[in-house]
């Protein structure tokens, strides 16, 4: 039993030592990194009946410092104002809205397998 206690103590000391080393020696990145060649980034957002969330999400994306990006919102047959809100937000962000077509006849959605 004493051996287990000693092993647990050694493990705790090693874990604490590694954590302390990582905390005090971690490199800090400058806050305003400017990349010369920023790669183009696409942010894909699937949305169905997200009128309560989509405006806040797009507003948060607008605050990003990274400018070489596009936002693609896939409106999956929303029955609320999701598409209208996205259209309104297109004025200040590079947003593309894709509206889904009607599902095939008999389509009931994904099947949940347990």
Protein backbone atom coordinates (compact mmCIF):
# COMPACT_ATOMS: atom_id res chain seq x y z
CA UNK A 1 0.00 0.00 0.00
CA UNK A 2 2.89 2.32 0.75
CA UNK A 3 4.25 1.73 -2.76
CA UNK A 4 0.99 2.95 -4.31
CA UNK A 5 1.09 6.04 -2.15
CA UNK A 6 4.67 6.79 -3.17
CA UNK A 7 3.81 6.31 -6.86
CA UNK A 8 0.81 8.62 -6.57
CA UNK A 9 2.95 11.24 -4.82
CA UNK A 10 5.65 11.01 -7.53
CA UNK A 11 2.98 11.30 -10.24
CA UNK A 12 1.48 14.37 -8.55
CA UNK A 13 4.89 16.04 -8.19
CA UNK A 14 5.82 15.35 -11.82
CA UNK A 15 2.43 16.63 -13.05
CA UNK A 16 2.74 19.80 -10.97
CA UNK A 17 6.31 20.35 -12.16
CA UNK A 18 5.33 19.98 -15.84
CA UNK A 19 2.35 22.29 -15.38
CA UNK A 20 4.47 24.94 -13.67
CA UNK A 21 7.16 24.71 -16.36
CA UNK A 22 4.55 25.08 -19.14
CA UNK A 23 2.90 28.03 -17.42
CA UNK A 24 6.08 30.02 -16.85
CA UNK A 25 7.92 29.17 -20.08
CA UNK A 26 5.10 29.35 -22.63
CA UNK A 27 5.85 31.58 -25.57
CA UNK A 28 3.61 34.57 -26.03
CA UNK A 29 2.48 35.50 -29.51
CA UNK A 30 2.26 39.15 -30.42
CA UNK A 31 -1.32 40.39 -30.42
CA UNK A 32 -1.24 42.02 -33.84
CA UNK A 33 0.28 39.43 -36.11
CA UNK A 34 0.24 40.54 -39.74
CA UNK A 35 0.67 37.75 -42.22
CA UNK A 36 2.08 38.74 -45.56
CA UNK A 37 0.19 36.02 -47.40
CA UNK A 38 -3.02 35.38 -45.53
CA UNK A 39 -4.61 32.21 -46.90
CA UNK A 40 -8.21 32.51 -48.01
CA UNK A 41 -10.56 30.96 -45.47
CA UNK A 42 -14.19 29.87 -45.90
CA UNK A 43 -16.41 29.61 -42.83
CA UNK A 44 -19.36 27.31 -43.45
CA UNK A 45 -22.47 27.70 -41.30
CA UNK A 46 -25.38 25.27 -41.60
CA UNK A 47 -28.54 27.03 -40.39
CA UNK A 48 -32.11 25.89 -39.90
CA UNK A 49 -34.46 28.12 -37.93
CA UNK A 50 -31.62 30.05 -36.31
CA UNK A 51 -33.18 33.51 -36.18
CA UNK A 52 -32.36 33.76 -32.46
CA UNK A 53 -28.64 33.06 -32.99
CA UNK A 54 -27.54 33.87 -36.53
CA UNK A 55 -27.32 37.66 -36.16
CA UNK A 56 -25.10 37.42 -33.06
CA UNK A 57 -22.89 34.85 -34.78
CA UNK A 58 -22.43 37.00 -37.88
CA UNK A 59 -21.77 40.07 -35.71
CA UNK A 60 -19.04 38.13 -33.89
CA UNK A 61 -17.50 37.05 -37.20
CA UNK A 62 -17.47 40.69 -38.26
CA UNK A 63 -15.21 41.49 -35.30
CA UNK A 64 -12.46 39.16 -36.54
CA UNK A 65 -9.19 40.83 -37.47
CA UNK A 66 -8.69 38.32 -40.28
CA UNK A 67 -10.08 39.83 -43.47
CA UNK A 68 -9.26 37.30 -46.19
CA UNK A 69 -12.33 35.20 -45.60
CA UNK A 70 -15.81 34.44 -46.75
CA UNK A 71 -18.81 33.23 -44.80
CA UNK A 72 -21.17 30.75 -46.44
CA UNK A 73 -24.51 30.25 -44.72
CA UNK A 74 -26.46 27.20 -45.86
CA UNK A 75 -30.10 27.89 -45.08
CA UNK A 76 -31.68 24.47 -44.69
CA UNK A 77 -35.34 25.30 -45.42
CA UNK A 78 -35.79 27.56 -42.42
CA UNK A 79 -39.36 28.50 -41.61
CA UNK A 80 -38.38 31.58 -39.63
CA UNK A 81 -36.49 34.78 -40.52
CA UNK A 82 -33.03 33.20 -40.77
CA UNK A 83 -32.58 33.97 -44.49
CA UNK A 84 -33.77 37.58 -44.12
CA UNK A 85 -31.38 38.21 -41.24
CA UNK A 86 -28.47 36.79 -43.24
CA UNK A 87 -29.43 38.97 -46.22
CA UNK A 88 -29.41 42.04 -43.97
CA UNK A 89 -25.94 41.15 -42.65
CA UNK A 90 -24.50 40.73 -46.16
CA UNK A 91 -24.01 44.50 -46.32
CA UNK A 92 -20.95 44.49 -44.08
CA UNK A 93 -19.42 41.03 -44.38
CA UNK A 94 -18.47 38.80 -47.30
CA UNK A 95 -21.46 36.48 -46.87
CA UNK A 96 -22.93 34.06 -49.35
CA UNK A 97 -26.38 32.68 -48.64
CA UNK A 98 -27.27 29.31 -50.13
CA UNK A 99 -30.90 28.28 -49.81
CA UNK A 100 -31.49 24.55 -49.81
CA UNK A 101 -33.91 23.06 -52.26
CA UNK A 102 -36.88 21.02 -51.21
CA UNK A 103 -35.95 17.55 -49.95
CA UNK A 104 -36.77 14.55 -52.07
CA UNK A 105 -40.25 13.14 -51.71
CA UNK A 106 -40.38 10.77 -48.76
CA UNK A 107 -37.22 12.19 -47.14
CA UNK A 108 -37.65 12.22 -43.38
CA UNK A 109 -34.16 13.34 -42.37
CA UNK A 110 -31.24 11.51 -40.89
CA UNK A 111 -31.91 8.26 -39.12
CA UNK A 112 -30.72 7.95 -35.55
CA UNK A 113 -29.14 4.57 -34.92
CA UNK A 114 -28.70 3.55 -31.31
